[in-house]
Amino acid sequence: MRILPSAAFLAAGIAVGAALSPLPDSLRQALAAAGLVRPPAAGEGRDPDHSDPQDRPAVAGQAHDAHGHEPGEVHAEEDAIRMRPDQVAAQDIVTRTVAGGTLARHLLVPGTITPDTDRIARVPARVVGTVAEMRKRLGDAVQANEIVAILDSREVADAKSEYLTALVQAELQKINFERQQKLLASRTASEAAFETARATYLENQLRVDLARQKLSALGLDAAEVAAAQRRDEATPNQSSLRRYPLRAPFAGRIVERRVDVGTAVGKEGDPADLYTVADLSTVWIELSVPTLDLAQVREGARVTVTPGRTGETERRAEGRVIFVSPFLNADTRSARVIVALPNPDLAWRPGTFVTAEVEIAQDKVPVRIPKAAVQTIAGRSVVFVRSPDGFEKRPVTLGRSDDEAYEVTAGLEPGAEIAVGNSFLLKAELGKADADHDH
């Protein structure tokens, strides 16, 4: 048996081991320098599990871009976020062009809802009589000039009778006058008889006019009275001579009912009104504004109203200041301010306490952006400006503000397009990028 030298023996052992398991590149190169093994050929000795990523074949369905991102993936680099238009639309990111605008400053004061005094009225008993019908109940809606009650009145019967009698007499005297006029023309009647007939006719015409004015004072229409009389002649058992209708002054609701059927009205000590009608489609808000703030409140100023109770702040409405009292309350040292508030759905009820934001100033600013467009990153205010590839982060300096918007004093110019809706999603994408860089 031939015994190999120790160095040769070692090289043979290494060669066998290398055949079974490839040597690391550093060890193989050291052995090659000592002449124990041959140098590695190009590409030889690489660990297939640790090969260069550039040499690996692309897996089917996993194509990458120049940055190693898959198609359709939203990703952020530095201060930019790459997004295609369809991805922007899919995430409901709303953009808007930056422009100048107005910032409104407000004064917060409490108030109480009251009925509009111009739209509340009573239905009075204008004659002495007895309530025969009550056609409306409490809370019922009424139309303008709609009959709401009927009175039985002797006073009304007398006024109607006087007018109807004068009307009949005037008709007879007119016939006699025209007859005397024809006779005078034919010289078969004296001029004295003609003048007498003419005077009687004119006198009766005057009586008709006076009776018509009396009906008008009672709120009755002479033509309707005459028409009702003709209907009564056809149905003698249903006389309307004593009936007196009461009508609603305008459209609204019955908010108060004061009498019942059979109640005597019109005399001293009797109820003066039958109903109270209110149109609540517009209500008033009475505000008490302190003296120090009074000089800032102007008639015509916009007012935003919210319920005074917690839990109802989502309901809002807008009105206008219509009156600022020139007098101060001696006890509270505040002035009465009236706000007109539209109330089409009748949701604002008189007597309710509310909070009013009275607009006291309007400041023009060259750059105005919605508050929803501003995000805070690393303690700085930023917005996201639209770019051809997506969005880029832009630090801004904010100035004055109101309830809805900020003034931008530096970092943004009019004409730029910024994200104003769901901009927090863009902030989240930048946060992911920062986290990836940290690892």
Protein backbone atom coordinates (compact mmCIF):
# COMPACT_ATOMS: atom_id res chain seq x y z
CA MET A 1 0.00 0.00 0.00
CA ARG A 2 1.22 3.43 -0.96
CA ILE A 3 1.02 6.09 1.72
CA LEU A 4 0.43 9.60 0.39
CA PRO A 5 2.24 12.58 1.76
CA SER A 6 0.26 14.55 4.24
CA ALA A 7 -0.30 17.58 1.95
CA ALA A 8 -1.30 15.36 -0.91
CA PHE A 9 -3.53 13.37 1.39
CA LEU A 10 -5.21 16.58 2.57
CA ALA A 11 -5.75 17.78 -1.00
CA ALA A 12 -7.22 14.46 -2.00
CA GLY A 13 -9.61 14.61 0.97
CA ILE A 14 -10.66 18.13 0.09
CA ALA A 15 -11.18 17.16 -3.55
CA VAL A 16 -13.43 14.28 -2.52
CA GLY A 17 -15.33 16.50 -0.12
CA ALA A 18 -15.65 19.17 -2.79
CA ALA A 19 -17.09 16.64 -5.15
CA LEU A 20 -19.72 15.74 -2.59
CA SER A 21 -20.36 19.26 -1.32
CA PRO A 22 -19.20 22.43 -3.10
CA LEU A 23 -16.67 24.50 -1.15
CA PRO A 24 -17.30 28.09 -0.22
CA ASP A 25 -15.72 30.52 -2.69
CA SER A 26 -13.31 32.00 -0.10
CA LEU A 27 -11.94 28.59 0.97
CA ARG A 28 -11.63 27.29 -2.57
CA GLN A 29 -9.71 30.42 -3.64
CA ALA A 30 -7.31 30.02 -0.65
CA LEU A 31 -6.65 26.39 -1.50
CA ALA A 32 -6.12 27.27 -5.16
CA ALA A 33 -3.51 29.85 -4.16
CA ALA A 34 -1.68 27.08 -2.24
CA GLY A 35 -1.83 24.86 -5.32
CA LEU A 36 -4.02 22.26 -3.62
CA VAL A 37 -7.12 22.64 -5.84
CA ARG A 38 -7.83 24.16 -9.20
CA PRO A 39 -9.39 27.69 -9.38
CA PRO A 40 -13.20 27.79 -9.72
CA ALA A 41 -14.53 28.16 -13.24
CA ALA A 42 -16.87 31.03 -14.11
CA GLY A 43 -20.22 30.44 -12.48
CA GLU A 44 -18.91 27.42 -10.56
CA GLY A 45 -19.34 27.08 -6.83
CA ARG A 46 -22.34 29.38 -6.40
CA ASP A 47 -24.95 28.34 -3.93
CA PRO A 48 -28.19 27.95 -5.89
CA ASP A 49 -30.16 29.00 -2.79
CA HIS A 50 -28.14 32.27 -2.54
CA SER A 51 -27.83 33.20 -6.17
CA ASP A 52 -27.99 36.83 -7.40
CA PRO A 53 -31.61 37.97 -7.75
CA GLN A 54 -30.76 39.43 -11.16
CA ASP A 55 -29.91 35.89 -12.38
CA ARG A 56 -33.14 34.32 -11.17
CA PRO A 57 -35.85 33.69 -13.79
CA ALA A 58 -39.13 35.61 -13.42
CA VAL A 59 -41.93 33.55 -11.96
CA ALA A 60 -44.98 33.35 -14.18
CA GLY A 61 -47.52 36.02 -13.31
CA GLN A 62 -45.05 38.04 -11.20
CA ALA A 63 -43.68 40.66 -13.58
CA HIS A 64 -42.08 43.64 -11.83
CA ASP A 65 -41.37 47.22 -12.80
CA ALA A 66 -38.00 48.99 -12.53
CA HIS A 67 -38.57 49.51 -8.81
CA GLY A 68 -39.55 45.92 -8.10
CA HIS A 69 -43.26 46.66 -7.68
CA GLU A 70 -46.00 44.58 -9.14
CA PRO A 71 -48.35 46.13 -11.72
CA GLY A 72 -51.40 47.82 -10.10
CA GLU A 73 -49.63 48.21 -6.77
CA VAL A 74 -49.88 51.61 -5.00
CA HIS A 75 -46.52 52.53 -3.50
CA ALA A 76 -44.75 55.54 -2.03
CA GLU A 77 -41.19 56.74 -2.51
CA GLU A 78 -39.78 59.62 -0.50
CA ASP A 79 -42.55 62.30 -0.65
CA ALA A 80 -44.30 60.93 -3.75
CA ILE A 81 -47.09 58.38 -4.07
CA ARG A 82 -47.46 56.59 -7.39
CA MET A 83 -51.11 56.02 -8.33
CA ARG A 84 -52.86 55.59 -11.64
CA PRO A 85 -56.11 57.54 -12.32
CA ASP A 86 -58.21 54.41 -11.95
CA GLN A 87 -56.63 53.73 -8.53
CA VAL A 88 -57.40 57.29 -7.45
CA ALA A 89 -61.02 56.83 -8.48
CA ALA A 90 -61.27 53.40 -6.83
CA GLN A 91 -60.23 54.85 -3.45
CA ASP A 92 -62.65 57.82 -3.78
CA ILE A 93 -59.86 60.37 -3.47
CA VAL A 94 -61.50 63.69 -4.39
CA THR A 95 -59.38 66.51 -5.78
CA ARG A 96 -60.03 70.22 -6.19
CA THR A 97 -58.21 73.14 -7.76
CA VAL A 98 -56.79 75.59 -5.22
CA ALA A 99 -58.24 79.10 -5.35
CA GLY A 100 -58.84 82.14 -3.19
CA GLY A 101 -61.97 82.60 -1.12
CA THR A 102 -63.59 84.01 1.98
CA LEU A 103 -63.16 83.02 5.61
CA ALA A 104 -66.17 83.79 7.78
CA ARG A 105 -65.83 84.55 11.50
CA HIS A 106 -68.76 83.79 13.78
CA LEU A 107 -70.21 84.78 17.13
CA LEU A 108 -71.76 81.97 19.19
CA VAL A 109 -74.92 82.97 21.12
CA PRO A 110 -77.95 81.11 22.55
CA GLY A 111 -81.44 81.73 21.26
CA THR A 112 -85.10 80.72 21.49
CA ILE A 113 -87.42 79.85 18.60
CA THR A 114 -90.65 81.89 18.47
CA PRO A 115 -93.44 82.14 15.90
CA ASP A 116 -93.09 84.77 13.20
CA THR A 117 -95.40 87.49 14.51
CA ASP A 118 -96.27 88.44 10.94
CA ARG A 119 -97.52 84.89 10.35
CA ILE A 120 -99.72 84.33 13.37
CA ALA A 121 -103.33 85.59 13.55
CA ARG A 122 -106.58 85.12 15.40
CA VAL A 123 -109.97 84.34 13.89
CA PRO A 124 -112.21 86.87 15.69
CA ALA A 125 -115.97 86.83 16.24
CA ARG A 126 -116.73 89.99 14.31
CA VAL A 127 -120.46 89.96 15.07
CA VAL A 128 -122.70 89.18 18.02
CA GLY A 129 -124.05 85.65 17.76
CA THR A 130 -123.73 82.00 18.73
CA VAL A 131 -121.28 79.41 17.43
CA ALA A 132 -123.20 77.10 15.09
CA GLU A 133 -120.32 75.08 13.60
CA MET A 134 -116.64 74.50 14.38
CA ARG A 135 -115.19 72.97 11.23
CA LYS A 136 -111.56 72.68 12.32
CA ARG A 137 -109.89 70.82 15.13
CA LEU A 138 -106.69 71.67 16.94
CA GLY A 139 -103.70 71.01 14.68
CA ASP A 140 -105.68 70.93 11.43
CA ALA A 141 -104.20 72.59 8.35
CA VAL A 142 -106.15 75.41 6.75
CA GLN A 143 -105.94 77.28 3.47
CA ALA A 144 -106.19 81.00 2.98
CA ASN A 145 -109.82 82.22 3.04
CA GLU A 146 -111.11 78.75 4.00
CA ILE A 147 -114.28 78.70 6.16
CA VAL A 148 -113.34 77.45 9.63
CA ALA A 149 -116.52 78.20 11.62
CA ILE A 150 -120.15 79.34 11.22
CA LEU A 151 -121.96 81.76 13.55
CA ASP A 152 -125.71 82.20 13.93
CA SER A 153 -126.25 85.97 14.19
CA ARG A 154 -129.32 88.18 14.25
CA GLU A 155 -127.07 91.17 13.56
CA VAL A 156 -125.98 89.56 10.31
CA ALA A 157 -129.57 88.70 9.40
CA ASP A 158 -130.57 92.36 9.84
CA ALA A 159 -127.69 93.59 7.69
CA LYS A 160 -128.51 91.10 4.93
CA SER A 161 -132.21 91.94 5.04
CA GLU A 162 -131.49 95.64 4.78
CA TYR A 163 -129.32 95.12 1.72
CA LEU A 164 -131.75 92.76 -0.01
CA THR A 165 -134.68 95.10 0.65
CA ALA A 166 -132.76 98.09 -0.68
CA LEU A 167 -131.80 96.04 -3.72
CA VAL A 168 -135.45 95.20 -4.49
CA GLN A 169 -136.58 98.79 -3.93
CA ALA A 170 -133.83 100.10 -6.18
CA GLU A 171 -134.89 97.69 -8.92
CA LEU A 172 -138.52 98.87 -8.71
CA GLN A 173 -137.57 102.53 -8.66
CA LYS A 174 -135.31 101.99 -11.65
CA ILE A 175 -138.24 100.57 -13.63
CA ASN A 176 -140.46 103.53 -12.62
CA PHE A 177 -137.74 106.02 -13.48
CA GLU A 178 -137.18 104.53 -16.94
CA ARG A 179 -140.96 104.52 -17.53
CA GLN A 180 -141.30 108.21 -16.56
CA GLN A 181 -138.35 108.98 -18.79
CA LYS A 182 -140.11 107.42 -21.80
CA LEU A 183 -143.39 109.19 -20.99
CA LEU A 184 -141.60 112.52 -20.76
CA ALA A 185 -140.03 111.91 -24.12
CA SER A 186 -143.48 111.24 -25.61
CA ARG A 187 -144.93 114.28 -23.79
CA THR A 188 -147.52 112.14 -22.02
CA ALA A 189 -146.09 112.77 -18.51
CA SER A 190 -145.22 115.94 -16.69
CA GLU A 191 -141.69 116.94 -15.95
CA ALA A 192 -142.51 117.08 -12.21
CA ALA A 193 -143.49 113.38 -12.18
CA PHE A 194 -140.25 112.54 -13.98
CA GLU A 195 -138.14 114.48 -11.48
CA THR A 196 -139.91 112.79 -8.54
CA ALA A 197 -139.23 109.34 -10.01
CA ARG A 198 -135.62 110.27 -10.67
CA ALA A 199 -135.07 111.51 -7.08
CA THR A 200 -136.63 108.35 -5.61
CA TYR A 201 -134.46 106.16 -7.82
CA LEU A 202 -131.26 107.95 -6.80
CA GLU A 203 -132.23 107.76 -3.13
CA ASN A 204 -132.71 104.02 -3.33
CA GLN A 205 -129.40 103.64 -5.11
CA LEU A 206 -127.78 105.41 -2.17
CA ARG A 207 -129.50 103.03 0.25
CA VAL A 208 -128.15 100.07 -1.71
CA ASP A 209 -124.62 101.48 -1.52
CA LEU A 210 -124.91 102.09 2.23
CA ALA A 211 -126.27 98.57 2.83
CA ARG A 212 -123.45 97.11 0.71
CA GLN A 213 -120.85 98.99 2.77
CA LYS A 214 -122.42 97.66 5.97
CA LEU A 215 -122.06 94.12 4.68
CA SER A 216 -118.46 94.83 3.72
CA ALA A 217 -117.75 96.09 7.24
CA LEU A 218 -118.96 92.73 8.54
CA GLY A 219 -116.74 90.90 6.06
CA LEU A 220 -119.59 89.82 3.80
CA ASP A 221 -119.68 90.01 0.02
CA ALA A 222 -122.86 91.59 -1.41
CA ALA A 223 -122.85 89.38 -4.50
CA GLU A 224 -122.61 86.23 -2.34
CA VAL A 225 -125.49 87.48 -0.16
CA ALA A 226 -127.68 88.00 -3.24
CA ALA A 227 -126.73 84.57 -4.64
CA ALA A 228 -127.49 82.92 -1.28
CA GLN A 229 -130.90 84.59 -1.27
CA ARG A 230 -131.73 83.10 -4.65
CA ARG A 231 -130.72 79.65 -3.40
CA ASP A 232 -132.90 80.15 -0.30
CA GLU A 233 -135.88 80.90 -2.52
CA ALA A 234 -135.40 77.49 -4.13
CA THR A 235 -135.01 75.76 -0.72
CA PRO A 236 -137.11 77.81 1.76
CA ASN A 237 -136.41 75.39 4.66
CA GLN A 238 -132.65 76.09 4.55
CA SER A 239 -132.36 79.82 5.10
CA SER A 240 -128.83 81.24 5.19
CA LEU A 241 -129.89 84.69 6.31
CA ARG A 242 -128.53 84.28 9.86
CA ARG A 243 -125.40 82.32 8.97
CA TYR A 244 -122.10 84.13 9.20
CA PRO A 245 -118.93 82.30 7.98
CA LEU A 246 -115.55 82.88 9.60
CA ARG A 247 -112.52 82.41 7.32
CA ALA A 248 -108.80 81.70 7.85
CA PRO A 249 -106.70 84.83 7.19
CA PHE A 250 -103.88 82.79 5.56
CA ALA A 251 -102.65 79.24 5.11
CA GLY A 252 -101.31 77.58 8.24
CA ARG A 253 -102.34 75.35 11.12
CA ILE A 254 -104.86 75.68 13.94
CA VAL A 255 -102.67 76.09 17.01
CA GLU A 256 -105.38 77.21 19.44
CA ARG A 257 -109.15 76.64 19.73
CA ARG A 258 -110.93 78.84 22.23
CA VAL A 259 -114.68 78.03 22.01
CA ASP A 260 -117.12 75.18 21.43
CA VAL A 261 -120.39 74.87 19.51
CA GLY A 262 -123.15 76.88 21.22
CA THR A 263 -120.82 79.46 22.80
CA ALA A 264 -122.10 83.04 22.69
CA VAL A 265 -119.59 85.42 21.18
CA GLY A 266 -119.26 89.08 20.26
CA LYS A 267 -120.68 90.74 23.39
CA GLU A 268 -118.66 92.29 26.16
CA GLY A 269 -117.29 89.51 28.34
CA ASP A 270 -117.71 86.87 25.60
CA PRO A 271 -114.70 85.20 23.95
CA ALA A 272 -113.30 87.53 21.32
CA ASP A 273 -111.60 84.83 19.19
CA LEU A 274 -112.50 81.35 18.01
CA TYR A 275 -109.16 80.12 16.66
CA THR A 276 -105.48 81.03 16.43
CA VAL A 277 -103.87 80.24 13.10
CA ALA A 278 -100.09 80.13 12.66
CA ASP A 279 -97.93 79.71 9.58
CA LEU A 280 -94.78 78.01 10.87
CA SER A 281 -93.08 77.62 7.48
CA THR A 282 -90.88 80.47 8.72
CA VAL A 283 -90.01 80.98 12.40
CA TRP A 284 -88.07 83.58 14.32
CA ILE A 285 -85.12 83.09 16.63
CA GLU A 286 -84.70 85.63 19.41
CA LEU A 287 -81.07 86.14 20.40
CA SER A 288 -79.69 88.12 23.31
CA VAL A 289 -76.38 89.58 22.17
CA PRO A 290 -74.09 91.13 24.83
CA THR A 291 -73.20 94.80 24.49
CA LEU A 292 -69.53 94.11 23.73
CA ASP A 293 -70.45 91.94 20.72
CA LEU A 294 -73.41 93.96 19.49
CA ALA A 295 -71.38 96.25 17.24
CA GLN A 296 -70.28 93.22 15.16
CA VAL A 297 -73.82 92.03 14.38
CA ARG A 298 -75.38 93.38 11.18
CA GLU A 299 -78.84 93.00 9.69
CA GLY A 300 -78.67 90.55 6.79
CA ALA A 301 -75.84 88.52 8.36
CA ARG A 302 -75.98 84.76 7.86
CA VAL A 303 -76.78 82.65 10.92
CA THR A 304 -76.26 78.90 11.30
CA VAL A 305 -78.60 77.31 13.84
CA THR A 306 -78.13 74.02 15.70
CA PRO A 307 -80.28 72.49 18.47
CA GLY A 308 -79.34 73.55 21.98
CA ARG A 309 -79.51 70.01 23.35
CA THR A 310 -76.62 67.59 22.97
CA GLY A 311 -77.12 64.69 20.60
CA GLU A 312 -78.88 66.77 17.95
CA THR A 313 -75.92 68.69 16.55
CA GLU A 314 -76.24 66.93 13.19
CA ARG A 315 -79.35 69.02 12.41
CA ARG A 316 -78.45 72.45 11.06
CA ALA A 317 -80.26 75.25 9.29
CA GLU A 318 -79.34 78.67 7.98
CA GLY A 319 -81.21 81.95 8.47
CA ARG A 320 -80.66 85.70 8.30
CA VAL A 321 -80.64 88.51 10.84
CA ILE A 322 -83.68 90.70 10.08
CA PHE A 323 -83.68 93.02 13.10
CA VAL A 324 -81.17 94.39 15.60
CA SER A 325 -82.85 96.39 18.36
CA PRO A 326 -81.45 99.86 19.00
CA PHE A 327 -82.41 99.50 22.68
CA LEU A 328 -80.68 97.52 25.42
CA ASN A 329 -82.42 95.45 28.07
CA ALA A 330 -81.95 97.33 31.33
CA ASP A 331 -81.53 94.12 33.35
CA THR A 332 -79.31 92.01 31.09
CA ARG A 333 -77.54 94.83 29.22
CA SER A 334 -78.07 92.91 25.98
CA ALA A 335 -79.92 93.76 22.77
CA ARG A 336 -82.70 91.80 21.09
CA VAL A 337 -81.68 90.32 17.74
CA ILE A 338 -84.24 88.57 15.49
CA VAL A 339 -83.28 85.87 12.99
CA ALA A 340 -85.70 84.64 10.30
CA LEU A 341 -85.31 80.87 9.81
CA PRO A 342 -87.00 78.83 7.03
CA ASN A 343 -88.90 75.89 8.50
CA PRO A 344 -90.46 73.97 5.56
CA ASP A 345 -90.63 70.61 7.39
CA LEU A 346 -91.85 72.23 10.67
CA ALA A 347 -88.92 70.61 12.52
CA TRP A 348 -88.04 73.82 14.43
CA ARG A 349 -90.72 74.22 17.08
CA PRO A 350 -91.43 77.50 18.89
CA GLY A 351 -90.10 77.43 22.44
CA THR A 352 -87.03 75.33 21.54
CA PHE A 353 -83.62 76.51 22.75
CA VAL A 354 -80.98 76.67 20.03
CA THR A 355 -77.38 77.74 19.48
CA ALA A 356 -76.76 80.33 16.78
CA GLU A 357 -73.49 81.06 14.95
CA VAL A 358 -73.83 84.64 13.75
CA GLU A 359 -71.49 85.62 10.93
CA ILE A 360 -69.70 88.78 12.06
CA ALA A 361 -66.94 89.17 9.45
CA GLN A 362 -65.73 87.93 6.08
CA ASP A 363 -62.00 87.91 5.30
CA LYS A 364 -60.81 87.57 1.72
CA VAL A 365 -57.76 85.29 1.39
CA PRO A 366 -55.68 84.47 -1.73
CA VAL A 367 -55.43 80.74 -0.97
CA ARG A 368 -58.27 78.91 0.77
CA ILE A 369 -58.40 75.11 1.19
CA PRO A 370 -60.86 72.80 2.97
CA LYS A 371 -59.83 71.50 6.38
CA ALA A 372 -60.24 67.94 5.10
CA ALA A 373 -57.31 68.52 2.72
CA VAL A 374 -54.80 69.10 5.53
CA GLN A 375 -52.94 66.21 7.22
CA THR A 376 -50.31 66.33 9.93
CA ILE A 377 -47.08 64.38 9.33
CA ALA A 378 -44.12 64.60 11.71
CA GLY A 379 -45.69 67.62 13.38
CA ARG A 380 -46.08 69.57 10.13
CA SER A 381 -49.20 70.46 8.15
CA VAL A 382 -49.10 68.99 4.65
CA VAL A 383 -51.35 68.63 1.62
CA PHE A 384 -51.13 66.17 -1.26
CA VAL A 385 -50.71 67.79 -4.66
CA ARG A 386 -51.75 65.92 -7.82
CA SER A 387 -48.86 65.00 -10.10
CA PRO A 388 -48.63 63.09 -13.41
CA ASP A 389 -47.65 59.90 -11.53
CA GLY A 390 -49.99 60.30 -8.57
CA PHE A 391 -49.55 62.66 -5.61
CA GLU A 392 -46.69 64.38 -3.85
CA LYS A 393 -46.54 65.60 -0.27
CA ARG A 394 -46.31 69.38 0.08
CA PRO A 395 -45.67 71.09 3.46
CA VAL A 396 -47.78 74.24 3.91
CA THR A 397 -48.02 77.10 6.37
CA LEU A 398 -51.54 77.78 7.62
CA GLY A 399 -52.96 81.16 8.61
CA ARG A 400 -56.48 82.10 9.67
CA SER A 401 -59.35 79.64 9.63
CA ASP A 402 -63.09 79.31 9.99
CA ASP A 403 -65.36 76.31 10.56
CA GLU A 404 -64.69 74.83 7.11
CA ALA A 405 -61.38 76.04 5.68
CA TYR A 406 -57.83 77.29 6.25
CA GLU A 407 -55.88 80.15 4.75
CA VAL A 408 -52.52 79.01 3.29
CA THR A 409 -49.79 81.63 3.66
CA ALA A 410 -46.89 79.62 2.19
CA GLY A 411 -46.24 76.38 0.31
CA LEU A 412 -49.19 76.41 -2.08
CA GLU A 413 -50.27 78.58 -4.99
CA PRO A 414 -53.67 79.03 -6.67
CA GLY A 415 -54.20 76.64 -9.57
CA ALA A 416 -52.65 73.57 -7.96
CA GLU A 417 -54.82 70.47 -7.72
CA ILE A 418 -54.92 68.91 -4.26
CA ALA A 419 -56.67 65.99 -2.57
CA VAL A 420 -59.62 67.23 -0.48
CA GLY A 421 -61.45 63.96 0.14
CA ASN A 422 -59.98 60.79 1.71
CA SER A 423 -56.54 62.41 1.84
CA PHE A 424 -55.85 60.34 4.98
CA LEU A 425 -55.41 57.33 2.66
CA LEU A 426 -52.43 59.07 1.06
CA LYS A 427 -51.00 59.77 4.50
CA ALA A 428 -51.35 56.07 5.30
CA GLU A 429 -49.43 55.13 2.14
CA LEU A 430 -46.53 57.37 3.18
CA GLY A 431 -46.61 55.75 6.60
CA LYS A 432 -46.24 52.32 5.02
CA ALA A 433 -43.25 53.52 3.00
CA ASP A 434 -41.52 54.90 6.10
CA ALA A 435 -42.08 51.60 7.90
CA ASP A 436 -40.56 49.65 4.99
CA HIS A 437 -37.47 51.91 4.95
CA ASP A 438 -36.99 51.40 8.69
CA HIS A 439 -36.71 47.64 8.08
